[in-house]
C-alpha atoms as a PDB file:
ATOM      1  CA  MET A   1     109.316  84.971  92.489  1.00  0.00           C
ATOM      2  CA  GLY A   2     108.790  88.420  94.056  1.00  0.00           C
ATOM      3  CA  MET A   3     107.347  87.076  97.263  1.00  0.00           C
ATOM      4  CA  LYS A   4     110.527  85.127  98.060  1.00  0.00           C
ATOM      5  CA  ASN A   5     112.537  88.354  98.099  1.00  0.00           C
ATOM      6  CA  GLN A   6     110.375  89.868 100.875  1.00  0.00           C
ATOM      7  CA  THR A   7     111.556  87.820 103.835  1.00  0.00           C
ATOM      8  CA  TRP A   8     112.756  90.680 106.069  1.00  0.00           C
ATOM      9  CA  VAL A   9     109.571  92.731 106.373  1.00  0.00           C
ATOM     10  CA  SER A  10     106.404  91.026 107.582  1.00  0.00           C
ATOM     11  CA  GLU A  11     104.451  94.107 108.765  1.00  0.00           C
ATOM     12  CA  ILE A  12     103.901  97.649 107.539  1.00  0.00           C
ATOM     13  CA  VAL A  13     103.242 100.513 109.979  1.00  0.00           C
ATOM     14  CA  LEU A  14     101.051 103.344 108.642  1.00  0.00           C
ATOM     15  CA  LEU A  15     101.600 106.521 110.671  1.00  0.00           C
ATOM     16  CA  GLY A  16      98.728 108.517 109.162  1.00  0.00           C
ATOM     17  CA  PHE A  17      98.498 112.006 110.674  1.00  0.00           C
ATOM     18  CA  GLN A  18     100.726 112.298 113.720  1.00  0.00           C
ATOM     19  CA  ASN A  19     100.467 114.662 116.714  1.00  0.00           C
ATOM     20  CA  LEU A  20      96.776 115.409 116.333  1.00  0.00           C
ATOM     21  CA  HIS A  21      96.275 115.897 120.104  1.00  0.00           C
ATOM     22  CA  ASN A  22      92.917 117.630 120.659  1.00  0.00           C
ATOM     23  CA  PHE A  23      92.023 117.355 116.968  1.00  0.00           C
ATOM     24  CA  LYS A  24      91.918 113.549 117.029  1.00  0.00           C
ATOM     25  CA  PHE A  25      88.233 113.058 117.846  1.00  0.00           C
ATOM     26  CA  PRO A  26      86.933 115.988 115.714  1.00  0.00           C
ATOM     27  CA  LEU A  27      88.968 114.706 112.754  1.00  0.00           C
ATOM     28  CA  PHE A  28      87.812 111.121 113.335  1.00  0.00           C
ATOM     29  CA  SER A  29      84.187 112.320 113.475  1.00  0.00           C
ATOM     30  CA  LEU A  30      84.664 114.343 110.296  1.00  0.00           C
ATOM     31  CA  PHE A  31      86.129 111.417 108.342  1.00  0.00           C
ATOM     32  CA  LEU A  32      83.424 109.080 109.668  1.00  0.00           C
ATOM     33  CA  LEU A  33      80.752 111.553 108.542  1.00  0.00           C
ATOM     34  CA  ILE A  34      82.419 111.866 105.126  1.00  0.00           C
ATOM     35  CA  TYR A  35      82.536 108.088 104.763  1.00  0.00           C
ATOM     36  CA  ASN A  36      78.848 107.688 105.634  1.00  0.00           C
ATOM     37  CA  LEU A  37      77.817 110.497 103.277  1.00  0.00           C
ATOM     38  CA  THR A  38      79.990 109.092 100.490  1.00  0.00           C
ATOM     39  CA  VAL A  39      78.453 105.635 100.825  1.00  0.00           C
ATOM     40  CA  TRP A  40      74.869 106.922 100.912  1.00  0.00           C
ATOM     41  CA  GLU A  41      75.337 109.371  98.033  1.00  0.00           C
ATOM     42  CA  ASN A  42      76.929 106.864  95.686  1.00  0.00           C
ATOM     43  CA  VAL A  43      74.571 104.026  96.626  1.00  0.00           C
ATOM     44  CA  LEU A  44      71.671 106.415  95.981  1.00  0.00           C
ATOM     45  CA  ILE A  45      72.963 107.214  92.474  1.00  0.00           C
ATOM     46  CA  ILE A  46      73.519 103.519  91.692  1.00  0.00           C
ATOM     47  CA  VAL A  47      70.006 102.562  92.850  1.00  0.00           C
ATOM     48  CA  LEU A  48      68.267 105.497  91.136  1.00  0.00           C
ATOM     49  CA  VAL A  49      69.902 104.871  87.762  1.00  0.00           C
ATOM     50  CA  SER A  50      69.173 101.136  88.017  1.00  0.00           C
ATOM     51  CA  SER A  51      65.507 101.561  88.943  1.00  0.00           C
ATOM     52  CA  SER A  52      64.344 104.664  87.052  1.00  0.00           C
ATOM     53  CA  ARG A  53      63.297 104.597  83.389  1.00  0.00           C
ATOM     54  CA  ASN A  54      64.017 108.326  83.107  1.00  0.00           C
ATOM     55  CA  LEU A  55      67.723 107.754  83.828  1.00  0.00           C
ATOM     56  CA  GLN A  56      68.543 105.196  81.141  1.00  0.00           C
ATOM     57  CA  SER A  57      70.653 107.467  78.902  1.00  0.00           C
ATOM     58  CA  PRO A  58      74.385 106.766  78.357  1.00  0.00           C
ATOM     59  CA  MET A  59      75.331 109.767  80.509  1.00  0.00           C
ATOM     60  CA  TYR A  60      73.570 108.384  83.590  1.00  0.00           C
ATOM     61  CA  PHE A  61      74.870 104.886  82.907  1.00  0.00           C
ATOM     62  CA  PHE A  62      78.411 106.305  83.054  1.00  0.00           C
ATOM     63  CA  LEU A  63      77.542 108.304  86.184  1.00  0.00           C
ATOM     64  CA  GLN A  64      76.391 105.074  87.800  1.00  0.00           C
ATOM     65  CA  GLN A  65      79.781 103.525  87.010  1.00  0.00           C
ATOM     66  CA  LEU A  66      81.528 106.587  88.438  1.00  0.00           C
ATOM     67  CA  SER A  67      79.545 106.185  91.656  1.00  0.00           C
ATOM     68  CA  LEU A  68      80.483 102.497  91.817  1.00  0.00           C
ATOM     69  CA  CYS A  69      84.131 103.464  91.332  1.00  0.00           C
ATOM     70  CA  ASP A  70      83.960 106.139  94.062  1.00  0.00           C
ATOM     71  CA  LEU A  71      82.219 103.734  96.433  1.00  0.00           C
ATOM     72  CA  LEU A  72      84.933 101.127  95.941  1.00  0.00           C
ATOM     73  CA  GLU A  73      87.716 103.684  96.350  1.00  0.00           C
ATOM     74  CA  SER A  74      86.368 105.176  99.584  1.00  0.00           C
ATOM     75  CA  THR A  75      85.739 101.694 101.044  1.00  0.00           C
ATOM     76  CA  ILE A  76      89.368 100.761 100.392  1.00  0.00           C
ATOM     77  CA  ILE A  77      90.844 103.927 101.930  1.00  0.00           C
ATOM     78  CA  LEU A  78      88.595 105.375 104.628  1.00  0.00           C
ATOM     79  CA  PRO A  79      88.349 102.445 107.089  1.00  0.00           C
ATOM     80  CA  ILE A  80      92.159 102.332 107.345  1.00  0.00           C
ATOM     81  CA  LEU A  81      92.315 106.135 107.548  1.00  0.00           C
ATOM     82  CA  LEU A  82      89.849 106.112 110.454  1.00  0.00           C
ATOM     83  CA  GLN A  83      92.027 103.590 112.281  1.00  0.00           C
ATOM     84  CA  THR A  84      95.186 105.676 111.783  1.00  0.00           C
ATOM     85  CA  VAL A  85      93.401 108.717 113.233  1.00  0.00           C
ATOM     86  CA  PHE A  86      91.917 106.852 116.209  1.00  0.00           C
ATOM     87  CA  TYR A  87      94.976 104.755 117.138  1.00  0.00           C
ATOM     88  CA  ASP A  88      97.674 107.169 115.837  1.00  0.00           C
ATOM     89  CA  LYS A  89      99.001 104.353 113.649  1.00  0.00           C
ATOM     90  CA  VAL A  90      97.942 101.069 112.044  1.00  0.00           C
ATOM     91  CA  ILE A  91      99.986  97.887 111.685  1.00  0.00           C
ATOM     92  CA  LEU A  92      99.171  95.879 108.568  1.00  0.00           C
ATOM     93  CA  PRO A  93     100.597  92.562 107.404  1.00  0.00           C
ATOM     94  CA  PHE A  94     102.886  93.131 104.434  1.00  0.00           C
ATOM     95  CA  ILE A  95     100.579  91.108 102.204  1.00  0.00           C
ATOM     96  CA  GLY A  96      97.624  93.191 103.450  1.00  0.00           C
ATOM     97  CA  CYS A  97      99.436  96.381 102.492  1.00  0.00           C
ATOM     98  CA  MET A  98     100.150  95.003  99.030  1.00  0.00           C
ATOM     99  CA  ILE A  99      96.512  93.931  98.623  1.00  0.00           C
ATOM    100  CA  GLN A 100      95.290  97.418  99.539  1.00  0.00           C
ATOM    101  CA  PHE A 101      97.749  98.980  97.092  1.00  0.00           C
ATOM    102  CA  SER A 102      96.715  96.601  94.306  1.00  0.00           C
ATOM    103  CA  ILE A 103      92.963  96.937  94.844  1.00  0.00           C
ATOM    104  CA  PHE A 104      93.229 100.728  95.135  1.00  0.00           C
ATOM    105  CA  ALA A 105      94.905 100.853  91.702  1.00  0.00           C
ATOM    106  CA  VAL A 106      91.793  99.330  90.080  1.00  0.00           C
ATOM    107  CA  PRO A 107      89.277 102.185  90.683  1.00  0.00           C
ATOM    108  CA  GLU A 108      92.006 104.782  90.102  1.00  0.00           C
ATOM    109  CA  ALA A 109      92.833 103.352  86.675  1.00  0.00           C
ATOM    110  CA  PHE A 110      89.151 102.836  85.909  1.00  0.00           C
ATOM    111  CA  GLU A 111      88.321 106.463  86.701  1.00  0.00           C
ATOM    112  CA  CYS A 112      91.031 107.628  84.290  1.00  0.00           C
ATOM    113  CA  LEU A 113      89.484 105.532  81.525  1.00  0.00           C
ATOM    114  CA  LEU A 114      85.905 106.356  82.507  1.00  0.00           C
ATOM    115  CA  LEU A 115      86.520 110.117  82.389  1.00  0.00           C
ATOM    116  CA  ALA A 116      87.854 109.645  78.848  1.00  0.00           C
ATOM    117  CA  VAL A 117      84.752 107.628  77.890  1.00  0.00           C
ATOM    118  CA  MET A 118      82.520 110.315  79.385  1.00  0.00           C
ATOM    119  CA  SER A 119      84.331 113.033  77.446  1.00  0.00           C
ATOM    120  CA  TYR A 120      83.697 111.036  74.247  1.00  0.00           C
ATOM    121  CA  ASP A 121      80.029 110.775  75.217  1.00  0.00           C
ATOM    122  CA  ARG A 122      79.831 114.590  75.593  1.00  0.00           C
ATOM    123  CA  TYR A 123      81.705 115.039  72.316  1.00  0.00           C
ATOM    124  CA  VAL A 124      79.203 112.896  70.402  1.00  0.00           C
ATOM    125  CA  ALA A 125      76.228 114.557  72.141  1.00  0.00           C
ATOM    126  CA  ILE A 126      77.384 118.080  71.213  1.00  0.00           C
ATOM    127  CA  CYS A 127      79.286 117.602  67.952  1.00  0.00           C
ATOM    128  CA  ASN A 128      77.118 114.875  66.413  1.00  0.00           C
ATOM    129  CA  PRO A 129      73.712 115.056  68.131  1.00  0.00           C
ATOM    130  CA  LEU A 130      71.680 113.541  65.263  1.00  0.00           C
ATOM    131  CA  ARG A 131      73.650 110.279  65.418  1.00  0.00           C
ATOM    132  CA  TYR A 132      74.080 110.258  69.213  1.00  0.00           C
ATOM    133  CA  SER A 133      71.582 107.462  69.946  1.00  0.00           C
ATOM    134  CA  SER A 134      73.039 105.183  67.271  1.00  0.00           C
ATOM    135  CA  ILE A 135      76.699 105.846  68.127  1.00  0.00           C
ATOM    136  CA  MET A 136      76.256 105.642  71.914  1.00  0.00           C
ATOM    137  CA  SER A 137      73.899 102.663  71.989  1.00  0.00           C
ATOM    138  CA  HIS A 138      73.507 100.663  75.196  1.00  0.00           C
ATOM    139  CA  ARG A 139      75.552  97.825  73.717  1.00  0.00           C
ATOM    140  CA  VAL A 140      78.438 100.179  72.890  1.00  0.00           C
ATOM    141  CA  CYS A 141      78.312 101.739  76.369  1.00  0.00           C
ATOM    142  CA  VAL A 142      78.443  98.329  78.061  1.00  0.00           C
ATOM    143  CA  LYS A 143      81.399  97.293  75.889  1.00  0.00           C
ATOM    144  CA  LEU A 144      83.273 100.503  76.736  1.00  0.00           C
ATOM    145  CA  ILE A 145      82.727  99.953  80.468  1.00  0.00           C
ATOM    146  CA  LEU A 146      83.717  96.273  80.360  1.00  0.00           C
ATOM    147  CA  ILE A 147      86.899  97.120  78.438  1.00  0.00           C
ATOM    148  CA  SER A 148      87.694  99.870  80.961  1.00  0.00           C
ATOM    149  CA  TRP A 149      87.269  97.523  83.944  1.00  0.00           C
ATOM    150  CA  LEU A 150      89.349  94.831  82.222  1.00  0.00           C
ATOM    151  CA  LEU A 151      92.190  97.255  81.442  1.00  0.00           C
ATOM    152  CA  SER A 152      92.039  98.547  85.026  1.00  0.00           C
ATOM    153  CA  PHE A 153      92.435  95.059  86.505  1.00  0.00           C
ATOM    154  CA  MET A 154      95.282  94.296  84.107  1.00  0.00           C
ATOM    155  CA  PHE A 155      97.023  97.555  85.041  1.00  0.00           C
ATOM    156  CA  ALA A 156      96.620  96.820  88.770  1.00  0.00           C
ATOM    157  CA  LEU A 157      98.073  93.317  88.343  1.00  0.00           C
ATOM    158  CA  LEU A 158     101.065  94.636  86.391  1.00  0.00           C
ATOM    159  CA  LEU A 159     101.596  97.363  88.969  1.00  0.00           C
ATOM    160  CA  ALA A 160     101.446  94.921  91.887  1.00  0.00           C
ATOM    161  CA  ASN A 161     103.770  92.489  90.140  1.00  0.00           C
ATOM    162  CA  THR A 162     106.288  95.294  89.601  1.00  0.00           C
ATOM    163  CA  VAL A 163     106.263  96.355  93.257  1.00  0.00           C
ATOM    164  CA  VAL A 164     106.404  92.857  94.798  1.00  0.00           C
ATOM    165  CA  THR A 165     109.615  92.107  92.915  1.00  0.00           C
ATOM    166  CA  LEU A 166     111.353  94.680  95.124  1.00  0.00           C
ATOM    167  CA  GLN A 167     113.226  93.761  98.302  1.00  0.00           C
ATOM    168  CA  PHE A 168     112.054  95.239 101.613  1.00  0.00           C
ATOM    169  CA  CYS A 169     114.778  94.894 104.233  1.00  0.00           C
ATOM    170  CA  ASN A 170     114.658  96.765 107.530  1.00  0.00           C
ATOM    171  CA  GLN A 171     112.374  99.786 107.364  1.00  0.00           C
ATOM    172  CA  ASN A 172     108.659  99.112 107.666  1.00  0.00           C
ATOM    173  CA  THR A 173     107.196 102.520 108.599  1.00  0.00           C
ATOM    174  CA  ILE A 174     105.227 104.566 106.051  1.00  0.00           C
ATOM    175  CA  ASN A 175     104.434 108.196 106.814  1.00  0.00           C
ATOM    176  CA  HIS A 176     101.073 107.995 105.051  1.00  0.00           C
ATOM    177  CA  PHE A 177      97.488 106.891 105.718  1.00  0.00           C
ATOM    178  CA  PHE A 178      97.431 104.127 103.087  1.00  0.00           C
ATOM    179  CA  CYS A 179      99.861 101.954 101.131  1.00  0.00           C
ATOM    180  CA  ASP A 180     100.651 104.211  98.194  1.00  0.00           C
ATOM    181  CA  PHE A 181     103.196 103.844  95.393  1.00  0.00           C
ATOM    182  CA  PHE A 182     105.962 106.307  96.341  1.00  0.00           C
ATOM    183  CA  PRO A 183     105.910 105.522 100.104  1.00  0.00           C
ATOM    184  CA  LEU A 184     106.336 101.823  99.271  1.00  0.00           C
ATOM    185  CA  LEU A 185     109.255 102.558  96.954  1.00  0.00           C
ATOM    186  CA  GLU A 186     110.950 104.614  99.682  1.00  0.00           C
ATOM    187  CA  LEU A 187     110.870 101.553 101.959  1.00  0.00           C
ATOM    188  CA  SER A 188     112.573  99.325  99.417  1.00  0.00           C
ATOM    189  CA  CYS A 189     116.274  98.542  99.633  1.00  0.00           C
ATOM    190  CA  SER A 190     116.362  97.638  95.924  1.00  0.00           C
ATOM    191  CA  ASP A 191     117.314  99.862  93.015  1.00  0.00           C
ATOM    192  CA  THR A 192     114.009 101.466  92.001  1.00  0.00           C
ATOM    193  CA  TYR A 193     115.111 103.127  88.743  1.00  0.00           C
ATOM    194  CA  LEU A 194     113.764 100.343  86.535  1.00  0.00           C
ATOM    195  CA  VAL A 195     110.596 100.217  88.633  1.00  0.00           C
ATOM    196  CA  HIS A 196     109.975 103.931  88.013  1.00  0.00           C
ATOM    197  CA  LEU A 197     110.596 103.435  84.305  1.00  0.00           C
ATOM    198  CA  ASN A 198     108.320 100.402  84.186  1.00  0.00           C
ATOM    199  CA  ILE A 199     105.521 102.234  86.000  1.00  0.00           C
ATOM    200  CA  ILE A 200     105.742 105.156  83.567  1.00  0.00           C
ATOM    201  CA  LEU A 201     105.481 102.803  80.597  1.00  0.00           C
ATOM    202  CA  GLU A 202     102.550 100.925  82.164  1.00  0.00           C
ATOM    203  CA  SER A 203     100.776 104.215  82.924  1.00  0.00           C
ATOM    204  CA  ILE A 204     100.868 105.485  79.326  1.00  0.00           C
ATOM    205  CA  PRO A 205      97.777 103.588  78.020  1.00  0.00           C
ATOM    206  CA  VAL A 206      95.797 103.996  81.252  1.00  0.00           C
ATOM    207  CA  VAL A 207      96.657 107.524  82.424  1.00  0.00           C
ATOM    208  CA  PHE A 208      98.398 109.581  79.721  1.00  0.00           C
ATOM    209  CA  PHE A 209      96.393 108.511  76.656  1.00  0.00           C
ATOM    210  CA  PRO A 210      93.004 109.097  78.366  1.00  0.00           C
ATOM    211  CA  PHE A 211      94.179 112.535  79.575  1.00  0.00           C
ATOM    212  CA  ILE A 212      95.283 113.527  76.066  1.00  0.00           C
ATOM    213  CA  PHE A 213      92.021 112.137  74.657  1.00  0.00           C
ATOM    214  CA  ILE A 214      90.017 114.276  77.113  1.00  0.00           C
ATOM    215  CA  ILE A 215      91.947 117.408  76.113  1.00  0.00           C
ATOM    216  CA  VAL A 216      91.418 116.742  72.390  1.00  0.00           C
ATOM    217  CA  SER A 217      87.712 115.966  72.953  1.00  0.00           C
ATOM    218  CA  TYR A 218      87.134 119.249  74.761  1.00  0.00           C
ATOM    219  CA  MET A 219      89.040 121.192  72.129  1.00  0.00           C
ATOM    220  CA  CYS A 220      86.554 119.815  69.592  1.00  0.00           C
ATOM    221  CA  ILE A 221      83.639 120.477  71.975  1.00  0.00           C
ATOM    222  CA  GLY A 222      84.827 124.058  72.532  1.00  0.00           C
ATOM    223  CA  ARG A 223      84.991 124.651  68.780  1.00  0.00           C
ATOM    224  CA  ALA A 224      81.487 123.211  68.354  1.00  0.00           C
ATOM    225  CA  ILE A 225      80.067 125.375  71.165  1.00  0.00           C
ATOM    226  CA  LYS A 226      81.690 128.437  69.612  1.00  0.00           C
ATOM    227  CA  ASN A 227      79.783 127.755  66.369  1.00  0.00           C
ATOM    228  CA  ILE A 228      76.404 127.548  68.140  1.00  0.00           C
ATOM    229  CA  THR A 229      74.512 130.727  67.282  1.00  0.00           C
ATOM    230  CA  SER A 230      71.914 130.889  70.088  1.00  0.00           C
ATOM    231  CA  ASN A 231      72.947 131.839  73.618  1.00  0.00           C
ATOM    232  CA  THR A 232      70.510 129.274  75.047  1.00  0.00           C
ATOM    233  CA  GLY A 233      72.132 126.493  73.016  1.00  0.00           C
ATOM    234  CA  ARG A 234      75.593 127.568  74.132  1.00  0.00           C
ATOM    235  CA  GLN A 235      74.574 127.659  77.797  1.00  0.00           C
ATOM    236  CA  LYS A 236      72.923 124.230  77.564  1.00  0.00           C
ATOM    237  CA  ALA A 237      75.971 122.706  75.843  1.00  0.00           C
ATOM    238  CA  PHE A 238      78.343 124.294  78.334  1.00  0.00           C
ATOM    239  CA  SER A 239      76.279 123.167  81.341  1.00  0.00           C
ATOM    240  CA  THR A 240      76.462 119.541  80.190  1.00  0.00           C
ATOM    241  CA  CYS A 241      80.271 119.753  80.155  1.00  0.00           C
ATOM    242  CA  SER A 242      81.026 121.962  83.177  1.00  0.00           C
ATOM    243  CA  SER A 243      80.458 119.212  85.755  1.00  0.00           C
ATOM    244  CA  HIS A 244      82.638 116.743  83.848  1.00  0.00           C
ATOM    245  CA  LEU A 245      85.396 119.372  83.523  1.00  0.00           C
ATOM    246  CA  ALA A 246      85.238 120.003  87.277  1.00  0.00           C
ATOM    247  CA  VAL A 247      85.649 116.292  88.052  1.00  0.00           C
ATOM    248  CA  VAL A 248      88.486 115.957  85.513  1.00  0.00           C
ATOM    249  CA  SER A 249      90.289 119.022  86.924  1.00  0.00           C
ATOM    250  CA  ILE A 250      90.134 117.803  90.530  1.00  0.00           C
ATOM    251  CA  PHE A 251      91.074 114.216  89.705  1.00  0.00           C
ATOM    252  CA  TYR A 252      93.889 114.792  87.222  1.00  0.00           C
ATOM    253  CA  GLY A 253      95.149 117.886  89.053  1.00  0.00           C
ATOM    254  CA  THR A 254      95.829 115.922  92.230  1.00  0.00           C
ATOM    255  CA  ILE A 255      97.117 112.864  90.329  1.00  0.00           C
ATOM    256  CA  ILE A 256      99.670 115.011  88.456  1.00  0.00           C
ATOM    257  CA  ALA A 257     100.656 116.896  91.616  1.00  0.00           C
ATOM    258  CA  ILE A 258     101.268 113.669  93.581  1.00  0.00           C
ATOM    259  CA  TYR A 259     102.663 111.217  91.023  1.00  0.00           C
ATOM    260  CA  MET A 260     104.251 113.388  88.340  1.00  0.00           C
ATOM    261  CA  VAL A 261     106.175 115.744  90.656  1.00  0.00           C
ATOM    262  CA  PRO A 262     109.252 114.073  92.240  1.00  0.00           C
ATOM    263  CA  PRO A 263     108.497 113.421  95.948  1.00  0.00           C
ATOM    264  CA  ARG A 264     110.544 115.137  98.649  1.00  0.00           C
ATOM    265  CA  LYS A 265     110.592 114.442 102.361  1.00  0.00           C
ATOM    266  CA  GLU A 266     109.645 118.036 103.225  1.00  0.00           C
ATOM    267  CA  SER A 267     106.533 117.721 101.039  1.00  0.00           C
ATOM    268  CA  GLN A 268     105.120 114.648 102.821  1.00  0.00           C
ATOM    269  CA  THR A 269     102.414 116.682 104.571  1.00  0.00           C
ATOM    270  CA  ILE A 270     101.385 118.313 101.289  1.00  0.00           C
ATOM    271  CA  SER A 271     101.357 114.898  99.625  1.00  0.00           C
ATOM    272  CA  LYS A 272      99.055 113.519 102.323  1.00  0.00           C
ATOM    273  CA  VAL A 273      96.692 116.488 101.998  1.00  0.00           C
ATOM    274  CA  LEU A 274      96.574 116.080  98.210  1.00  0.00           C
ATOM    275  CA  SER A 275      95.988 112.346  98.665  1.00  0.00           C
ATOM    276  CA  LEU A 276      93.055 113.189 100.941  1.00  0.00           C
ATOM    277  CA  LEU A 277      91.671 115.367  98.173  1.00  0.00           C
ATOM    278  CA  TYR A 278      91.427 112.610  95.566  1.00  0.00           C
ATOM    279  CA  THR A 279      90.842 109.585  97.842  1.00  0.00           C
ATOM    280  CA  VAL A 280      88.387 111.088 100.343  1.00  0.00           C
ATOM    281  CA  VAL A 281      86.984 114.399  99.066  1.00  0.00           C
ATOM    282  CA  THR A 282      86.533 113.484  95.386  1.00  0.00           C
ATOM    283  CA  PRO A 283      84.280 110.422  96.029  1.00  0.00           C
ATOM    284  CA  LEU A 284      82.202 112.674  98.304  1.00  0.00           C
ATOM    285  CA  VAL A 285      81.773 115.621  95.929  1.00  0.00           C
ATOM    286  CA  ASN A 286      81.459 113.710  92.633  1.00  0.00           C
ATOM    287  CA  PRO A 287      77.768 112.853  93.216  1.00  0.00           C
ATOM    288  CA  LEU A 288      77.122 116.465  94.253  1.00  0.00           C
ATOM    289  CA  ILE A 289      78.792 118.289  91.370  1.00  0.00           C
ATOM    290  CA  TYR A 290      78.003 115.699  88.715  1.00  0.00           C
ATOM    291  CA  SER A 291      74.845 113.792  89.581  1.00  0.00           C
ATOM    292  CA  LEU A 292      72.689 115.347  92.289  1.00  0.00           C
ATOM    293  CA  ARG A 293      72.690 118.768  90.571  1.00  0.00           C
ATOM    294  CA  SER A 294      71.082 117.146  87.518  1.00  0.00           C
ATOM    295  CA  LYS A 295      67.428 118.078  87.102  1.00  0.00           C
ATOM    296  CA  ASP A 296      66.508 114.542  85.981  1.00  0.00           C
ATOM    297  CA  ILE A 297      68.005 112.984  89.109  1.00  0.00           C
ATOM    298  CA  ARG A 298      66.444 115.617  91.360  1.00  0.00           C
ATOM    299  CA  ASP A 299      63.045 114.909  89.786  1.00  0.00           C
ATOM    300  CA  VAL A 300      63.455 111.169  90.382  1.00  0.00           C
ATOM    301  CA  ILE A 301      64.479 111.802  94.014  1.00  0.00           C
ATOM    302  CA  GLN A 302      61.453 114.095  94.485  1.00  0.00           C
ATOM    303  CA  LYS A 303      59.137 111.414  93.060  1.00  0.00           C
ATOM    304  CA  CYS A 304      60.594 108.857  95.474  1.00  0.00           C
ATOM    305  CA  ILE A 305      60.101 111.263  98.396  1.00  0.00           C
ATOM    306  CA  ASN A 306      56.496 111.925  97.311  1.00  0.00           C
ATOM    307  CA  LYS A 307      55.813 108.175  97.106  1.00  0.00           C
ATOM    308  CA  ILE A 308      57.251 107.635 100.596  1.00  0.00           C
ATOM    309  CA  GLU A 309      55.193 110.523 102.011  1.00  0.00           C
ATOM    310  CA  TYR A 310      52.071 109.189 100.302  1.00  0.00           C
ATOM    311  CA  SER A 311      52.655 105.696 101.750  1.00  0.00           C
ATOM    312  CA  VAL A 312      53.266 107.080 105.244  1.00  0.00           C
ATOM    313  CA  ASN A 313      50.160 109.280 105.125  1.00  0.00           C
ATOM    314  CA  ARG A 314      48.084 106.399 103.781  1.00  0.00           C
ATOM    315  CA  GLN A 315      49.222 104.101 106.589  1.00  0.00           C
ATOM    316  CA  LYS A 316      48.399 106.811 109.140  1.00  0.00           C
ATOM    317  CA  ALA A 317      44.967 107.274 107.586  1.00  0.00           C
ATOM    318  CA  LEU A 318      44.284 103.506 107.650  1.00  0.00           C
ATOM    319  CA  LYS A 319      45.347 103.315 111.304  1.00  0.00           C
ATOM    320  CA  GLY A 320      43.013 106.226 112.065  1.00  0.00           C
ATOM    321  CA  LEU A 321      40.088 104.430 110.406  1.00  0.00           C
ATOM    322  CA  ASN A 322      40.810 101.212 112.281  1.00  0.00           C
ATOM    323  CA  MET A 323      40.827 103.043 115.583  1.00  0.00           C
END
C-alpha cells in the first residue's frame, strides 16, 4: 500500500559532509581506519568469547552480542559514509535508502534492549551474588538475547512500514551521510504529525522502558554498593559497572540529543556530528572501554599471542634443523 504512494521519487541523494576541500582524503583515510579497527576489534571479541572456556560467563556472552551489534551497525553505515566523503555525495535508489534505514533500526533497537539486559546482569551480580549462577543461567541468557533480537526486528518492521506510507514528491536530497528518520520525514510531502506520534508510541517498549529499567537497576546497584563495608569490595563492584555506565551514557546521550530534541535546519551540522558519535565512534570504542580493558580478555589475548609466538619459533627451529 505504501509503496504505491512513492511514485515521484526514485532516487535519494545523500550529501554527507560538503565542502571538505583539502580535508577530503585525510577524513576518508580516518574513517577507513576507524572501519577497519572496528571490524577487527569486534570480530576479535566475538571469536575470543566463542573459543575460550574462561569467557563463558553471562557478562562476556552479552559483550559478544554487543560486539555483533556494533559490527552490524558499522557495516551498515560506514561504507556509505566513505562514499559520501570520497565522491562528495551518494545517489541511492529509494528502496535502497529505505532498506538501509530499516536494517539500521535493528541494531539500534537491539542495543537499547541489550544495555537493559546487561544492567540486570550487573544488578543480580552485585545485589544477589549467591543466586547469580542460577538466575543468570545460560538458558536464561540465550532467551533474553533471542527475545531482544525478535523485538528489534519487529520494531524495525513497524518503523519501516510507518515511513513507507508517506508520500515523497519532488525533493530527494538529504543533508546527511545515511538515511535517518528525521531527514526522511523532512523530504516527505505528507502530513507527518501522525507519523511522529506513531514513532513515539512504537519507541516506548524498545527505547523508553529499557532506559527507565537501566536507571532503576543502577539506583538499586548504587544502594547495594553503599552498603558494602570494605573499600576493596566497593571498588570491585564499581569497576564492574563503570564500563557499562560509560557505554550507556554515550549511547543514550546521543540518542536523546538527536531524536528527542526537535530538529532545526541550523543544527544539521551538530546533528551529523552527534550521529557520527553513535554510529561510528561508539562501535569503535565499545570493545575498548568495555571488553579489551577486562583482565580476563587480556589474559586470553596474551595466551593466544604466546601460542602464536611459540608456533613461529618452533617452525623456525625445525627449519634450522632441516638445514
